[in-house]
PDB file of N, CA and C in Angstrom:
ATOM      1  N   MET A   1      94.250 131.008  85.821  1.00  0.00           N
ATOM      2  CA  MET A   1      93.927 131.214  87.228  1.00  0.00           C
ATOM      3  C   MET A   1      93.938 129.897  88.002  1.00  0.00           C
ATOM      4  N   ILE A   2      93.551 128.802  87.351  1.00  0.00           N
ATOM      5  CA  ILE A   2      93.487 127.525  88.054  1.00  0.00           C
ATOM      6  C   ILE A   2      94.859 126.847  88.140  1.00  0.00           C
ATOM      7  N   TRP A   3      95.779 127.187  87.224  1.00  0.00           N
ATOM      8  CA  TRP A   3      97.092 126.537  87.221  1.00  0.00           C
ATOM      9  C   TRP A   3      97.869 126.759  88.511  1.00  0.00           C
ATOM     10  N   PRO A   4      97.906 127.954  89.073  1.00  0.00           N
ATOM     11  CA  PRO A   4      98.626 128.111  90.347  1.00  0.00           C
ATOM     12  C   PRO A   4      98.044 127.250  91.467  1.00  0.00           C
ATOM     13  N   LEU A   5      96.726 127.089  91.475  1.00  0.00           N
ATOM     14  CA  LEU A   5      96.102 126.226  92.482  1.00  0.00           C
ATOM     15  C   LEU A   5      96.484 124.768  92.278  1.00  0.00           C
ATOM     16  N   LEU A   6      96.506 124.322  91.034  1.00  0.00           N
ATOM     17  CA  LEU A   6      96.899 122.945  90.739  1.00  0.00           C
ATOM     18  C   LEU A   6      98.361 122.691  91.093  1.00  0.00           C
ATOM     19  N   VAL A   7      99.215 123.637  90.792  1.00  0.00           N
ATOM     20  CA  VAL A   7     100.636 123.492  91.133  1.00  0.00           C
ATOM     21  C   VAL A   7     100.802 123.466  92.646  1.00  0.00           C
ATOM     22  N   GLY A   8     100.128 124.347  93.347  1.00  0.00           N
ATOM     23  CA  GLY A   8     100.205 124.365  94.810  1.00  0.00           C
ATOM     24  C   GLY A   8      99.691 123.081  95.431  1.00  0.00           C
ATOM     25  N   ALA A   9      98.570 122.583  94.925  1.00  0.00           N
ATOM     26  CA  ALA A   9      98.021 121.324  95.443  1.00  0.00           C
ATOM     27  C   ALA A   9      98.967 120.167  95.154  1.00  0.00           C
ATOM     28  N   SER A  10      99.587 120.169  93.984  1.00  0.00           N
ATOM     29  CA  SER A  10     100.544 119.110  93.643  1.00  0.00           C
ATOM     30  C   SER A  10     101.750 119.136  94.568  1.00  0.00           C
ATOM     31  N   ILE A  11     102.237 120.302  94.887  1.00  0.00           N
ATOM     32  CA  ILE A  11     103.382 120.421  95.794  1.00  0.00           C
ATOM     33  C   ILE A  11     103.006 119.938  97.191  1.00  0.00           C
ATOM     34  N   LEU A  12     101.825 120.307  97.659  1.00  0.00           N
ATOM     35  CA  LEU A  12     101.381 119.851  98.977  1.00  0.00           C
ATOM     36  C   LEU A  12     101.204 118.335  99.020  1.00  0.00           C
ATOM     37  N   LEU A  13     100.605 117.762  97.996  1.00  0.00           N
ATOM     38  CA  LEU A  13     100.435 116.308  97.945  1.00  0.00           C
ATOM     39  C   LEU A  13     101.781 115.594  97.868  1.00  0.00           C
ATOM     40  N   ASN A  14     102.708 116.153  97.103  1.00  0.00           N
ATOM     41  CA  ASN A  14     104.038 115.569  97.015  1.00  0.00           C
ATOM     42  C   ASN A  14     104.710 115.560  98.383  1.00  0.00           C
ATOM     43  N   GLY A  15     104.601 116.637  99.110  1.00  0.00           N
ATOM     44  CA  GLY A  15     105.170 116.698 100.455  1.00  0.00           C
ATOM     45  C   GLY A  15     104.521 115.698 101.398  1.00  0.00           C
ATOM     46  N   PHE A  16     103.216 115.554 101.301  1.00  0.00           N
ATOM     47  CA  PHE A  16     102.504 114.592 102.144  1.00  0.00           C
ATOM     48  C   PHE A  16     102.983 113.173 101.878  1.00  0.00           C
ATOM     49  N   PHE A  17     103.037 112.790 100.609  1.00  0.00           N
ATOM     50  CA  PHE A  17     103.438 111.424 100.273  1.00  0.00           C
ATOM     51  C   PHE A  17     104.913 111.175 100.564  1.00  0.00           C
ATOM     52  N   ALA A  18     105.754 112.174 100.401  1.00  0.00           N
ATOM     53  CA  ALA A  18     107.167 112.018 100.754  1.00  0.00           C
ATOM     54  C   ALA A  18     107.314 111.804 102.256  1.00  0.00           C
ATOM     55  N   GLY A  19     106.531 112.517 103.038  1.00  0.00           N
ATOM     56  CA  GLY A  19     106.548 112.322 104.487  1.00  0.00           C
ATOM     57  C   GLY A  19     106.055 110.946 104.891  1.00  0.00           C
ATOM     58  N   MET A  20     105.017 110.462 104.221  1.00  0.00           N
ATOM     59  CA  MET A  20     104.514 109.116 104.500  1.00  0.00           C
ATOM     60  C   MET A  20     105.567 108.061 104.171  1.00  0.00           C
ATOM     61  N   GLU A  21     106.248 108.228 103.048  1.00  0.00           N
ATOM     62  CA  GLU A  21     107.287 107.279 102.655  1.00  0.00           C
ATOM     63  C   GLU A  21     108.420 107.268 103.673  1.00  0.00           C
ATOM     64  N   THR A  22     108.835 108.435 104.115  1.00  0.00           N
ATOM     65  CA  THR A  22     109.895 108.518 105.114  1.00  0.00           C
ATOM     66  C   THR A  22     109.463 107.863 106.414  1.00  0.00           C
ATOM     67  N   GLY A  23     108.243 108.090 106.813  1.00  0.00           N
ATOM     68  CA  GLY A  23     107.736 107.483 108.042  1.00  0.00           C
ATOM     69  C   GLY A  23     107.670 105.976 107.977  1.00  0.00           C
ATOM     70  N   ILE A  24     107.231 105.446 106.850  1.00  0.00           N
ATOM     71  CA  ILE A  24     107.120 103.991 106.707  1.00  0.00           C
ATOM     72  C   ILE A  24     108.492 103.343 106.666  1.00  0.00           C
ATOM     73  N   THR A  25     109.418 103.938 105.938  1.00  0.00           N
ATOM     74  CA  THR A  25     110.732 103.313 105.800  1.00  0.00           C
ATOM     75  C   THR A  25     111.572 103.435 107.059  1.00  0.00           C
ATOM     76  N   SER A  26     111.302 104.409 107.907  1.00  0.00           N
ATOM     77  CA  SER A  26     112.120 104.574 109.108  1.00  0.00           C
ATOM     78  C   SER A  26     111.453 104.044 110.379  1.00  0.00           C
ATOM     79  N   ALA A  27     110.225 103.566 110.268  1.00  0.00           N
ATOM     80  CA  ALA A  27     109.500 103.083 111.449  1.00  0.00           C
ATOM     81  C   ALA A  27     110.049 101.737 111.913  1.00  0.00           C
ATOM     82  N   ARG A  28     110.043 101.541 113.209  1.00  0.00           N
ATOM     83  CA  ARG A  28     110.462 100.273 113.796  1.00  0.00           C
ATOM     84  C   ARG A  28     109.227  99.431 114.065  1.00  0.00           C
ATOM     85  N   ARG A  29     109.219  98.235 113.480  1.00  0.00           N
ATOM     86  CA  ARG A  29     108.054  97.357 113.593  1.00  0.00           C
ATOM     87  C   ARG A  29     107.781  96.975 115.042  1.00  0.00           C
ATOM     88  N   VAL A  30     108.837  96.701 115.814  1.00  0.00           N
ATOM     89  CA  VAL A  30     108.663  96.286 117.210  1.00  0.00           C
ATOM     90  C   VAL A  30     107.951  97.376 118.006  1.00  0.00           C
ATOM     91  N   ARG A  31     108.342  98.607 117.788  1.00  0.00           N
ATOM     92  CA  ARG A  31     107.715  99.720 118.503  1.00  0.00           C
ATOM     93  C   ARG A  31     106.254  99.879 118.088  1.00  0.00           C
ATOM     94  N   LEU A  32     105.984  99.732 116.801  1.00  0.00           N
ATOM     95  CA  LEU A  32     104.602  99.848 116.334  1.00  0.00           C
ATOM     96  C   LEU A  32     103.721  98.745 116.905  1.00  0.00           C
ATOM     97  N   VAL A  33     104.242  97.521 116.967  1.00  0.00           N
ATOM     98  CA  VAL A  33     103.474  96.411 117.545  1.00  0.00           C
ATOM     99  C   VAL A  33     103.209  96.683 119.022  1.00  0.00           C
ATOM    100  N   HIS A  34     104.206  97.196 119.728  1.00  0.00           N
ATOM    101  CA  HIS A  34     104.043  97.526 121.147  1.00  0.00           C
ATOM    102  C   HIS A  34     102.959  98.590 121.321  1.00  0.00           C
ATOM    103  N   TRP A  35     103.011  99.618 120.499  1.00  0.00           N
ATOM    104  CA  TRP A  35     102.001 100.671 120.574  1.00  0.00           C
ATOM    105  C   TRP A  35     100.612 100.136 120.232  1.00  0.00           C
ATOM    106  N   ALA A  36     100.542  99.212 119.272  1.00  0.00           N
ATOM    107  CA  ALA A  36      99.247  98.627 118.910  1.00  0.00           C
ATOM    108  C   ALA A  36      98.668  97.850 120.082  1.00  0.00           C
ATOM    109  N   LYS A  37      99.521  97.139 120.818  1.00  0.00           N
ATOM    110  CA  LYS A  37      99.052  96.398 121.992  1.00  0.00           C
ATOM    111  C   LYS A  37      98.576  97.339 123.088  1.00  0.00           C
ATOM    112  N   GLN A  38      99.147  98.537 123.142  1.00  0.00           N
ATOM    113  CA  GLN A  38      98.715  99.543 124.111  1.00  0.00           C
ATOM    114  C   GLN A  38      97.419 100.224 123.677  1.00  0.00           C
ATOM    115  N   GLY A  39      97.019 100.001 122.441  1.00  0.00           N
ATOM    116  CA  GLY A  39      95.776 100.581 121.950  1.00  0.00           C
ATOM    117  C   GLY A  39      95.940 101.908 121.242  1.00  0.00           C
ATOM    118  N   ARG A  40      97.154 102.251 120.861  1.00  0.00           N
ATOM    119  CA  ARG A  40      97.342 103.511 120.143  1.00  0.00           C
ATOM    120  C   ARG A  40      96.736 103.417 118.752  1.00  0.00           C
ATOM    121  N   ARG A  41      95.982 104.432 118.423  1.00  0.00           N
ATOM    122  CA  ARG A  41      95.261 104.456 117.159  1.00  0.00           C
ATOM    123  C   ARG A  41      96.235 104.531 115.977  1.00  0.00           C
ATOM    124  N   GLY A  42      96.059 103.664 115.003  1.00  0.00           N
ATOM    125  CA  GLY A  42      96.878 103.684 113.800  1.00  0.00           C
ATOM    126  C   GLY A  42      98.145 102.858 113.873  1.00  0.00           C
ATOM    127  N   ALA A  43      98.532 102.427 115.065  1.00  0.00           N
ATOM    128  CA  ALA A  43      99.779 101.678 115.208  1.00  0.00           C
ATOM    129  C   ALA A  43      99.693 100.314 114.540  1.00  0.00           C
ATOM    130  N   ALA A  44      98.545  99.665 114.614  1.00  0.00           N
ATOM    131  CA  ALA A  44      98.388  98.352 113.979  1.00  0.00           C
ATOM    132  C   ALA A  44      98.496  98.469 112.461  1.00  0.00           C
ATOM    133  N   VAL A  45      97.922  99.507 111.906  1.00  0.00           N
ATOM    134  CA  VAL A  45      98.019  99.730 110.462  1.00  0.00           C
ATOM    135  C   VAL A  45      99.467 100.001 110.073  1.00  0.00           C
ATOM    136  N   GLY A  46     100.146 100.806 110.866  1.00  0.00           N
ATOM    137  CA  GLY A  46     101.555 101.085 110.603  1.00  0.00           C
ATOM    138  C   GLY A  46     102.415  99.847 110.684  1.00  0.00           C
ATOM    139  N   ALA A  47     102.128  98.979 111.652  1.00  0.00           N
ATOM    140  CA  ALA A  47     102.889  97.737 111.787  1.00  0.00           C
ATOM    141  C   ALA A  47     102.694  96.847 110.569  1.00  0.00           C
ATOM    142  N   GLU A  48     101.481  96.784 110.049  1.00  0.00           N
ATOM    143  CA  GLU A  48     101.232  95.983 108.847  1.00  0.00           C
ATOM    144  C   GLU A  48     101.926  96.579 107.625  1.00  0.00           C
ATOM    145  N   LEU A  49     101.938  97.904 107.523  1.00  0.00           N
ATOM    146  CA  LEU A  49     102.638  98.538 106.406  1.00  0.00           C
ATOM    147  C   LEU A  49     104.130  98.257 106.456  1.00  0.00           C
ATOM    148  N   VAL A  50     104.698  98.306 107.653  1.00  0.00           N
ATOM    149  CA  VAL A  50     106.127  98.043 107.799  1.00  0.00           C
ATOM    150  C   VAL A  50     106.422  96.567 107.555  1.00  0.00           C
ATOM    151  N   LYS A  51     105.520  95.698 107.996  1.00  0.00           N
ATOM    152  CA  LYS A  51     105.719  94.259 107.825  1.00  0.00           C
ATOM    153  C   LYS A  51     105.734  93.880 106.344  1.00  0.00           C
ATOM    154  N   HIS A  52     104.883  94.529 105.557  1.00  0.00           N
ATOM    155  CA  HIS A  52     104.770  94.222 104.127  1.00  0.00           C
ATOM    156  C   HIS A  52     105.154  95.448 103.302  1.00  0.00           C
ATOM    157  N   ARG A  53     106.369  95.923 103.478  1.00  0.00           N
ATOM    158  CA  ARG A  53     106.813  97.121 102.757  1.00  0.00           C
ATOM    159  C   ARG A  53     106.769  96.944 101.249  1.00  0.00           C
ATOM    160  N   GLU A  54     107.019  95.721 100.787  1.00  0.00           N
ATOM    161  CA  GLU A  54     107.035  95.497  99.339  1.00  0.00           C
ATOM    162  C   GLU A  54     105.653  95.663  98.717  1.00  0.00           C
ATOM    163  N   ARG A  55     104.599  95.536  99.506  1.00  0.00           N
ATOM    164  CA  ARG A  55     103.236  95.707  98.992  1.00  0.00           C
ATOM    165  C   ARG A  55     102.805  97.163  98.956  1.00  0.00           C
ATOM    166  N   SER A  56     103.397  97.974  99.794  1.00  0.00           N
ATOM    167  CA  SER A  56     102.973  99.370  99.860  1.00  0.00           C
ATOM    168  C   SER A  56     103.595 100.166  98.715  1.00  0.00           C
ATOM    169  N   VAL A  57     102.922 101.201  98.342  1.00  0.00           N
ATOM    170  CA  VAL A  57     103.420 102.079  97.289  1.00  0.00           C
ATOM    171  C   VAL A  57     104.361 103.069  97.938  1.00  0.00           C
ATOM    172  N   VAL A  58     105.633 102.842  97.732  1.00  0.00           N
ATOM    173  CA  VAL A  58     106.648 103.707  98.348  1.00  0.00           C
ATOM    174  C   VAL A  58     107.572 104.208  97.287  1.00  0.00           C
TER     175      VAL A  58
END
Protein backbone atom coordinates (compact mmCIF):
# COMPACT_ATOMS: atom_id res chain seq x y z
CA MET A 1 0.00 0.00 0.00
CA ILE A 2 2.86 2.40 0.73
CA TRP A 3 4.81 1.62 -2.47
CA PRO A 4 2.45 3.52 -4.80
CA LEU A 5 2.75 6.57 -2.54
CA LEU A 6 6.54 6.35 -2.54
CA VAL A 7 6.65 5.98 -6.32
CA GLY A 8 4.29 8.93 -6.76
CA ALA A 9 6.30 11.10 -4.38
CA SER A 10 9.51 10.14 -6.18
CA ILE A 11 8.05 11.11 -9.54
CA LEU A 12 6.85 14.45 -8.18
CA LEU A 13 10.24 15.20 -6.60
CA ASN A 14 12.00 14.23 -9.81
CA GLY A 15 9.83 16.65 -11.75
CA PHE A 16 10.48 19.42 -9.24
CA PHE A 17 14.25 19.02 -9.36
CA ALA A 18 14.28 18.70 -13.15
CA GLY A 19 12.36 21.97 -13.35
CA MET A 20 14.80 23.65 -10.97
CA GLU A 21 17.75 22.45 -13.05
CA THR A 22 16.18 23.76 -16.24
CA GLY A 23 15.47 27.10 -14.61
CA ILE A 24 19.00 27.51 -13.29
CA THR A 25 20.70 26.53 -16.53
CA SER A 26 18.52 28.75 -18.71
CA ALA A 27 18.36 31.82 -16.46
CA ARG A 28 20.10 35.01 -17.51
CA ARG A 29 22.29 36.42 -14.76
CA VAL A 30 21.90 40.03 -15.95
CA ARG A 31 18.12 39.80 -15.73
CA LEU A 32 18.26 38.22 -12.28
CA VAL A 33 20.60 40.94 -11.00
CA HIS A 34 18.26 43.59 -12.43
CA TRP A 35 15.27 41.97 -10.73
CA ALA A 36 17.21 41.74 -7.46
CA LYS A 37 17.91 45.48 -7.61
CA GLN A 38 14.17 46.04 -8.12
CA GLY A 39 13.53 44.04 -4.96
CA ARG A 40 11.98 40.95 -6.48
CA ARG A 41 11.93 38.15 -3.98
CA GLY A 42 14.31 35.29 -4.76
CA ALA A 43 16.11 37.04 -7.61
CA ALA A 44 19.29 37.58 -5.58
CA VAL A 45 19.42 33.89 -4.68
CA GLY A 46 18.87 32.97 -8.32
CA ALA A 47 21.64 35.31 -9.42
CA GLU A 48 24.07 33.67 -6.99
CA LEU A 49 23.07 30.20 -8.18
CA VAL A 50 23.65 31.21 -11.79
CA LYS A 51 26.93 32.93 -10.92
CA HIS A 52 28.27 29.78 -9.24
CA ARG A 53 26.66 27.03 -11.31
CA GLU A 54 29.54 24.67 -10.62
CA ARG A 55 28.73 24.76 -6.89
CA SER A 56 25.06 23.97 -7.28
CA VAL A 57 23.78 20.44 -7.54
CA VAL A 58 22.56 20.25 -11.10
